[in-house]
Amino acid sequence: MPSLDKEFSEFLKTLRGRRSYASLAKDLGIAESTLYRLINGSQSATLRGVEQVMRKLAVSPAEVFGDEIHRKRGRRG
């Protein structure tokens, strides 16, 4: 099962598409180096960082993490 970090990384990769790291990082309000590390899996996202990205893009957790977020929340009982 993919981790939330992996899901966030894949979301950012898809979002980036053919754009430059600099362009997307500027739009998201994060450093280019941070974006690079998040996409390449060498840095884990913080909750604050994920929330910032979701606010900037006006997307929900389900749009970022898909079904993964719902499966994890359902296990807490």
PDB file of N, CA and C in Angstrom:
ATOM      1  N   MET A   1       0.845  -1.172   0.000  1.00  0.00           N
ATOM      2  CA  MET A   1       0.000   0.000   0.000  1.00  0.00           C
ATOM      3  C   MET A   1       0.897   1.243   0.000  1.00  0.00           C
ATOM      4  N   PRO A   2       0.629   2.219  -0.860  1.00  0.00           N
ATOM      5  CA  PRO A   2       1.466   3.414  -0.924  1.00  0.00           C
ATOM      6  C   PRO A   2       1.357   4.251   0.344  1.00  0.00           C
ATOM      7  N   SER A   3       2.434   4.917   0.691  1.00  0.00           N
ATOM      8  CA  SER A   3       2.422   5.797   1.849  1.00  0.00           C
ATOM      9  C   SER A   3       1.838   7.154   1.462  1.00  0.00           C
ATOM     10  N   LEU A   4       1.478   7.934   2.467  1.00  0.00           N
ATOM     11  CA  LEU A   4       0.955   9.270   2.197  1.00  0.00           C
ATOM     12  C   LEU A   4       2.026  10.146   1.548  1.00  0.00           C
ATOM     13  N   ASP A   5       3.286   9.972   1.956  1.00  0.00           N
ATOM     14  CA  ASP A   5       4.378  10.722   1.310  1.00  0.00           C
ATOM     15  C   ASP A   5       4.449  10.401  -0.176  1.00  0.00           C
ATOM     16  N   LYS A   6       4.323   9.120  -0.499  1.00  0.00           N
ATOM     17  CA  LYS A   6       4.378   8.695  -1.900  1.00  0.00           C
ATOM     18  C   LYS A   6       3.191   9.263  -2.677  1.00  0.00           C
ATOM     19  N   GLU A   7       2.018   9.233  -2.075  1.00  0.00           N
ATOM     20  CA  GLU A   7       0.825   9.788  -2.726  1.00  0.00           C
ATOM     21  C   GLU A   7       0.993  11.284  -2.978  1.00  0.00           C
ATOM     22  N   PHE A   8       1.541  12.002  -2.007  1.00  0.00           N
ATOM     23  CA  PHE A   8       1.753  13.444  -2.163  1.00  0.00           C
ATOM     24  C   PHE A   8       2.792  13.708  -3.245  1.00  0.00           C
ATOM     25  N   SER A   9       3.837  12.905  -3.259  1.00  0.00           N
ATOM     26  CA  SER A   9       4.866  13.022  -4.285  1.00  0.00           C
ATOM     27  C   SER A   9       4.278  12.829  -5.676  1.00  0.00           C
ATOM     28  N   GLU A  10       3.464  11.792  -5.834  1.00  0.00           N
ATOM     29  CA  GLU A  10       2.831  11.526  -7.133  1.00  0.00           C
ATOM     30  C   GLU A  10       1.891  12.656  -7.539  1.00  0.00           C
ATOM     31  N   PHE A  11       1.166  13.206  -6.572  1.00  0.00           N
ATOM     32  CA  PHE A  11       0.285  14.341  -6.852  1.00  0.00           C
ATOM     33  C   PHE A  11       1.103  15.517  -7.382  1.00  0.00           C
ATOM     34  N   LEU A  12       2.224  15.822  -6.718  1.00  0.00           N
ATOM     35  CA  LEU A  12       3.065  16.944  -7.147  1.00  0.00           C
ATOM     36  C   LEU A  12       3.683  16.682  -8.521  1.00  0.00           C
ATOM     37  N   LYS A  13       4.096  15.443  -8.776  1.00  0.00           N
ATOM     38  CA  LYS A  13       4.652  15.098 -10.095  1.00  0.00           C
ATOM     39  C   LYS A  13       3.623  15.338 -11.188  1.00  0.00           C
ATOM     40  N   THR A  14       2.410  14.882 -10.947  1.00  0.00           N
ATOM     41  CA  THR A  14       1.338  15.075 -11.924  1.00  0.00           C
ATOM     42  C   THR A  14       1.041  16.552 -12.110  1.00  0.00           C
ATOM     43  N   LEU A  15       0.980  17.268 -11.019  1.00  0.00           N
ATOM     44  CA  LEU A  15       0.719  18.704 -11.064  1.00  0.00           C
ATOM     45  C   LEU A  15       1.808  19.434 -11.837  1.00  0.00           C
ATOM     46  N   ARG A  16       3.031  19.015 -11.640  1.00  0.00           N
ATOM     47  CA  ARG A  16       4.157  19.665 -12.313  1.00  0.00           C
ATOM     48  C   ARG A  16       4.095  19.445 -13.816  1.00  0.00           C
ATOM     49  N   GLY A  17       3.827  18.224 -14.227  1.00  0.00           N
ATOM     50  CA  GLY A  17       3.781  17.931 -15.656  1.00  0.00           C
ATOM     51  C   GLY A  17       5.061  18.361 -16.335  1.00  0.00           C
ATOM     52  N   ARG A  18       4.956  19.234 -17.315  1.00  0.00           N
ATOM     53  CA  ARG A  18       6.133  19.705 -18.050  1.00  0.00           C
ATOM     54  C   ARG A  18       6.611  21.069 -17.561  1.00  0.00           C
ATOM     55  N   ARG A  19       6.017  21.560 -16.491  1.00  0.00           N
ATOM     56  CA  ARG A  19       6.427  22.853 -15.926  1.00  0.00           C
ATOM     57  C   ARG A  19       7.784  22.726 -15.247  1.00  0.00           C
ATOM     58  N   SER A  20       8.426  23.845 -15.079  1.00  0.00           N
ATOM     59  CA  SER A  20       9.693  23.841 -14.351  1.00  0.00           C
ATOM     60  C   SER A  20       9.424  23.757 -12.852  1.00  0.00           C
ATOM     61  N   TYR A  21      10.409  23.270 -12.129  1.00  0.00           N
ATOM     62  CA  TYR A  21      10.304  23.245 -10.675  1.00  0.00           C
ATOM     63  C   TYR A  21      10.116  24.668 -10.153  1.00  0.00           C
ATOM     64  N   ALA A  22      10.848  25.613 -10.716  1.00  0.00           N
ATOM     65  CA  ALA A  22      10.789  27.005 -10.254  1.00  0.00           C
ATOM     66  C   ALA A  22       9.384  27.583 -10.405  1.00  0.00           C
ATOM     67  N   SER A  23       8.750  27.324 -11.529  1.00  0.00           N
ATOM     68  CA  SER A  23       7.414  27.848 -11.787  1.00  0.00           C
ATOM     69  C   SER A  23       6.390  27.274 -10.810  1.00  0.00           C
ATOM     70  N   LEU A  24       6.395  25.963 -10.626  1.00  0.00           N
ATOM     71  CA  LEU A  24       5.434  25.345  -9.717  1.00  0.00           C
ATOM     72  C   LEU A  24       5.719  25.753  -8.274  1.00  0.00           C
ATOM     73  N   ALA A  25       6.970  25.763  -7.880  1.00  0.00           N
ATOM     74  CA  ALA A  25       7.323  26.150  -6.510  1.00  0.00           C
ATOM     75  C   ALA A  25       6.830  27.567  -6.216  1.00  0.00           C
ATOM     76  N   LYS A  26       7.000  28.458  -7.156  1.00  0.00           N
ATOM     77  CA  LYS A  26       6.538  29.838  -6.972  1.00  0.00           C
ATOM     78  C   LYS A  26       5.025  29.868  -6.777  1.00  0.00           C
ATOM     79  N   ASP A  27       4.303  29.128  -7.607  1.00  0.00           N
ATOM     80  CA  ASP A  27       2.842  29.076  -7.499  1.00  0.00           C
ATOM     81  C   ASP A  27       2.384  28.489  -6.164  1.00  0.00           C
ATOM     82  N   LEU A  28       3.140  27.541  -5.633  1.00  0.00           N
ATOM     83  CA  LEU A  28       2.775  26.891  -4.373  1.00  0.00           C
ATOM     84  C   LEU A  28       3.291  27.633  -3.149  1.00  0.00           C
ATOM     85  N   GLY A  29       4.182  28.580  -3.355  1.00  0.00           N
ATOM     86  CA  GLY A  29       4.728  29.339  -2.236  1.00  0.00           C
ATOM     87  C   GLY A  29       5.747  28.573  -1.422  1.00  0.00           C
ATOM     88  N   ILE A  30       6.466  27.654  -2.089  1.00  0.00           N
ATOM     89  CA  ILE A  30       7.518  26.891  -1.411  1.00  0.00           C
ATOM     90  C   ILE A  30       8.819  27.039  -2.198  1.00  0.00           C
ATOM     91  N   ALA A  31       9.921  26.698  -1.547  1.00  0.00           N
ATOM     92  CA  ALA A  31      11.220  26.777  -2.204  1.00  0.00           C
ATOM     93  C   ALA A  31      11.329  25.718  -3.297  1.00  0.00           C
ATOM     94  N   GLU A  32      12.007  26.064  -4.360  1.00  0.00           N
ATOM     95  CA  GLU A  32      12.221  25.124  -5.460  1.00  0.00           C
ATOM     96  C   GLU A  32      12.922  23.858  -4.968  1.00  0.00           C
ATOM     97  N   SER A  33      13.905  24.021  -4.091  1.00  0.00           N
ATOM     98  CA  SER A  33      14.638  22.864  -3.569  1.00  0.00           C
ATOM     99  C   SER A  33      13.722  21.959  -2.746  1.00  0.00           C
ATOM    100  N   THR A  34      12.795  22.545  -2.018  1.00  0.00           N
ATOM    101  CA  THR A  34      11.831  21.755  -1.241  1.00  0.00           C
ATOM    102  C   THR A  34      10.931  20.961  -2.169  1.00  0.00           C
ATOM    103  N   LEU A  35      10.425  21.603  -3.207  1.00  0.00           N
ATOM    104  CA  LEU A  35       9.578  20.918  -4.184  1.00  0.00           C
ATOM    105  C   LEU A  35      10.324  19.746  -4.799  1.00  0.00           C
ATOM    106  N   TYR A  36      11.562  19.961  -5.186  1.00  0.00           N
ATOM    107  CA  TYR A  36      12.375  18.906  -5.784  1.00  0.00           C
ATOM    108  C   TYR A  36      12.501  17.712  -4.826  1.00  0.00           C
ATOM    109  N   ARG A  37      12.810  17.990  -3.569  1.00  0.00           N
ATOM    110  CA  ARG A  37      12.983  16.910  -2.583  1.00  0.00           C
ATOM    111  C   ARG A  37      11.670  16.181  -2.302  1.00  0.00           C
ATOM    112  N   LEU A  38      10.562  16.913  -2.263  1.00  0.00           N
ATOM    113  CA  LEU A  38       9.257  16.277  -2.046  1.00  0.00           C
ATOM    114  C   LEU A  38       8.899  15.343  -3.193  1.00  0.00           C
ATOM    115  N   ILE A  39       9.114  15.817  -4.417  1.00  0.00           N
ATOM    116  CA  ILE A  39       8.788  15.007  -5.589  1.00  0.00           C
ATOM    117  C   ILE A  39       9.682  13.773  -5.678  1.00  0.00           C
ATOM    118  N   ASN A  40      10.927  13.920  -5.322  1.00  0.00           N
ATOM    119  CA  ASN A  40      11.873  12.809  -5.438  1.00  0.00           C
ATOM    120  C   ASN A  40      11.941  11.928  -4.195  1.00  0.00           C
ATOM    121  N   GLY A  41      11.123  12.214  -3.206  1.00  0.00           N
ATOM    122  CA  GLY A  41      11.032  11.358  -2.026  1.00  0.00           C
ATOM    123  C   GLY A  41      12.161  11.463  -1.037  1.00  0.00           C
ATOM    124  N   SER A  42      12.991  12.482  -1.146  1.00  0.00           N
ATOM    125  CA  SER A  42      14.081  12.629  -0.187  1.00  0.00           C
ATOM    126  C   SER A  42      13.687  13.514   0.996  1.00  0.00           C
ATOM    127  N   GLN A  43      12.456  14.012   0.990  1.00  0.00           N
ATOM    128  CA  GLN A  43      11.945  14.804   2.100  1.00  0.00           C
ATOM    129  C   GLN A  43      10.472  14.464   2.291  1.00  0.00           C
ATOM    130  N   SER A  44      10.081  14.310   3.538  1.00  0.00           N
ATOM    131  CA  SER A  44       8.676  14.078   3.859  1.00  0.00           C
ATOM    132  C   SER A  44       7.977  15.425   4.002  1.00  0.00           C
ATOM    133  N   ALA A  45       6.745  15.459   3.591  1.00  0.00           N
ATOM    134  CA  ALA A  45       5.956  16.679   3.719  1.00  0.00           C
ATOM    135  C   ALA A  45       5.481  16.828   5.159  1.00  0.00           C
ATOM    136  N   THR A  46       5.426  18.058   5.607  1.00  0.00           N
ATOM    137  CA  THR A  46       4.833  18.337   6.906  1.00  0.00           C
ATOM    138  C   THR A  46       3.340  18.563   6.708  1.00  0.00           C
ATOM    139  N   LEU A  47       2.589  18.406   7.761  1.00  0.00           N
ATOM    140  CA  LEU A  47       1.154  18.665   7.681  1.00  0.00           C
ATOM    141  C   LEU A  47       0.911  20.114   7.261  1.00  0.00           C
ATOM    142  N   ARG A  48       1.673  21.019   7.825  1.00  0.00           N
ATOM    143  CA  ARG A  48       1.544  22.437   7.472  1.00  0.00           C
ATOM    144  C   ARG A  48       1.818  22.654   5.981  1.00  0.00           C
ATOM    145  N   GLY A  49       2.828  21.998   5.462  1.00  0.00           N
ATOM    146  CA  GLY A  49       3.165  22.127   4.050  1.00  0.00           C
ATOM    147  C   GLY A  49       2.084  21.579   3.132  1.00  0.00           C
ATOM    148  N   VAL A  50       1.526  20.420   3.502  1.00  0.00           N
ATOM    149  CA  VAL A  50       0.450  19.824   2.711  1.00  0.00           C
ATOM    150  C   VAL A  50      -0.767  20.747   2.733  1.00  0.00           C
ATOM    151  N   GLU A  51      -1.098  21.259   3.917  1.00  0.00           N
ATOM    152  CA  GLU A  51      -2.236  22.171   4.028  1.00  0.00           C
ATOM    153  C   GLU A  51      -2.023  23.420   3.181  1.00  0.00           C
ATOM    154  N   GLN A  52      -0.802  23.947   3.173  1.00  0.00           N
ATOM    155  CA  GLN A  52      -0.481  25.138   2.380  1.00  0.00           C
ATOM    156  C   GLN A  52      -0.714  24.868   0.895  1.00  0.00           C
ATOM    157  N   VAL A  53      -0.249  23.734   0.417  1.00  0.00           N
ATOM    158  CA  VAL A  53      -0.419  23.379  -0.992  1.00  0.00           C
ATOM    159  C   VAL A  53      -1.899  23.223  -1.322  1.00  0.00           C
ATOM    160  N   MET A  54      -2.639  22.540  -0.446  1.00  0.00           N
ATOM    161  CA  MET A  54      -4.063  22.341  -0.704  1.00  0.00           C
ATOM    162  C   MET A  54      -4.821  23.665  -0.726  1.00  0.00           C
ATOM    163  N   ARG A  55      -4.463  24.587   0.165  1.00  0.00           N
ATOM    164  CA  ARG A  55      -5.104  25.907   0.162  1.00  0.00           C
ATOM    165  C   ARG A  55      -4.790  26.676  -1.110  1.00  0.00           C
ATOM    166  N   LYS A  56      -3.521  26.677  -1.506  1.00  0.00           N
ATOM    167  CA  LYS A  56      -3.110  27.407  -2.722  1.00  0.00           C
ATOM    168  C   LYS A  56      -3.840  26.895  -3.949  1.00  0.00           C
ATOM    169  N   LEU A  57      -4.065  25.579  -3.995  1.00  0.00           N
ATOM    170  CA  LEU A  57      -4.696  24.961  -5.159  1.00  0.00           C
ATOM    171  C   LEU A  57      -6.207  24.801  -5.008  1.00  0.00           C
ATOM    172  N   ALA A  58      -6.718  25.079  -3.811  1.00  0.00           N
ATOM    173  CA  ALA A  58      -8.140  24.898  -3.498  1.00  0.00           C
ATOM    174  C   ALA A  58      -8.593  23.469  -3.815  1.00  0.00           C
ATOM    175  N   VAL A  59      -7.828  22.496  -3.287  1.00  0.00           N
ATOM    176  CA  VAL A  59      -8.163  21.084  -3.474  1.00  0.00           C
ATOM    177  C   VAL A  59      -8.394  20.430  -2.111  1.00  0.00           C
ATOM    178  N   SER A  60      -9.100  19.320  -2.123  1.00  0.00           N
ATOM    179  CA  SER A  60      -9.398  18.578  -0.898  1.00  0.00           C
ATOM    180  C   SER A  60      -8.353  17.487  -0.674  1.00  0.00           C
ATOM    181  N   PRO A  61      -8.289  16.943   0.548  1.00  0.00           N
ATOM    182  CA  PRO A  61      -7.381  15.820   0.786  1.00  0.00           C
ATOM    183  C   PRO A  61      -7.665  14.645  -0.148  1.00  0.00           C
ATOM    184  N   ALA A  62      -8.925  14.413  -0.463  1.00  0.00           N
ATOM    185  CA  ALA A  62      -9.268  13.308  -1.366  1.00  0.00           C
ATOM    186  C   ALA A  62      -8.687  13.529  -2.758  1.00  0.00           C
ATOM    187  N   GLU A  63      -8.607  14.775  -3.199  1.00  0.00           N
ATOM    188  CA  GLU A  63      -8.032  15.064  -4.509  1.00  0.00           C
ATOM    189  C   GLU A  63      -6.519  14.852  -4.509  1.00  0.00           C
ATOM    190  N   VAL A  64      -5.896  15.051  -3.370  1.00  0.00           N
ATOM    191  CA  VAL A  64      -4.448  14.874  -3.267  1.00  0.00           C
ATOM    192  C   VAL A  64      -4.093  13.416  -3.013  1.00  0.00           C
ATOM    193  N   PHE A  65      -4.796  12.789  -2.059  1.00  0.00           N
ATOM    194  CA  PHE A  65      -4.430  11.452  -1.619  1.00  0.00           C
ATOM    195  C   PHE A  65      -5.350  10.349  -2.128  1.00  0.00           C
ATOM    196  N   GLY A  66      -6.421  10.700  -2.764  1.00  0.00           N
ATOM    197  CA  GLY A  66      -7.345   9.698  -3.289  1.00  0.00           C
ATOM    198  C   GLY A  66      -7.945   8.851  -2.192  1.00  0.00           C
ATOM    199  N   ASP A  67      -8.160   7.590  -2.491  1.00  0.00           N
ATOM    200  CA  ASP A  67      -8.774   6.671  -1.530  1.00  0.00           C
ATOM    201  C   ASP A  67      -7.868   6.363  -0.350  1.00  0.00           C
ATOM    202  N   GLU A  68      -6.591   6.586  -0.489  1.00  0.00           N
ATOM    203  CA  GLU A  68      -5.627   6.269   0.576  1.00  0.00           C
ATOM    204  C   GLU A  68      -5.998   6.953   1.880  1.00  0.00           C
ATOM    205  N   ILE A  69      -6.376   8.201   1.834  1.00  0.00           N
ATOM    206  CA  ILE A  69      -6.701   8.951   3.043  1.00  0.00           C
ATOM    207  C   ILE A  69      -7.936   8.365   3.716  1.00  0.00           C
ATOM    208  N   HIS A  70      -8.892   7.917   2.932  1.00  0.00           N
ATOM    209  CA  HIS A  70     -10.109   7.357   3.494  1.00  0.00           C
ATOM    210  C   HIS A  70      -9.856   5.988   4.124  1.00  0.00           C
ATOM    211  N   ARG A  71      -9.005   5.188   3.529  1.00  0.00           N
ATOM    212  CA  ARG A  71      -8.693   3.873   4.106  1.00  0.00           C
ATOM    213  C   ARG A  71      -7.985   4.040   5.441  1.00  0.00           C
ATOM    214  N   LYS A  72      -7.030   4.949   5.530  1.00  0.00           N
ATOM    215  CA  LYS A  72      -6.286   5.143   6.764  1.00  0.00           C
ATOM    216  C   LYS A  72      -7.191   5.685   7.872  1.00  0.00           C
ATOM    217  N   ARG A  73      -8.062   6.617   7.551  1.00  0.00           N
ATOM    218  CA  ARG A  73      -8.959   7.188   8.554  1.00  0.00           C
ATOM    219  C   ARG A  73      -9.945   6.141   9.049  1.00  0.00           C
ATOM    220  N   GLY A  74     -10.376   5.233   8.188  1.00  0.00           N
ATOM    221  CA  GLY A  74     -11.344   4.203   8.550  1.00  0.00           C
ATOM    222  C   GLY A  74     -10.806   3.182   9.537  1.00  0.00           C
ATOM    223  N   ARG A  75      -9.506   3.054   9.638  1.00  0.00           N
ATOM    224  CA  ARG A  75      -8.894   2.057  10.525  1.00  0.00           C
ATOM    225  C   ARG A  75      -8.858   2.506  11.986  1.00  0.00           C
ATOM    226  N   ARG A  76      -9.055   3.760  12.248  1.00  0.00           N
ATOM    227  CA  ARG A  76      -8.857   4.278  13.598  1.00  0.00           C
ATOM    228  C   ARG A  76      -9.915   3.838  14.607  1.00  0.00           C
ATOM    229  N   GLY A  77     -11.043   3.421  14.146  1.00  0.00           N
ATOM    230  CA  GLY A  77     -12.057   2.877  15.004  1.00  0.00           C
ATOM    231  C   GLY A  77     -12.575   3.725  16.019  1.00  0.00           C
TER     232      GLY A  77
END
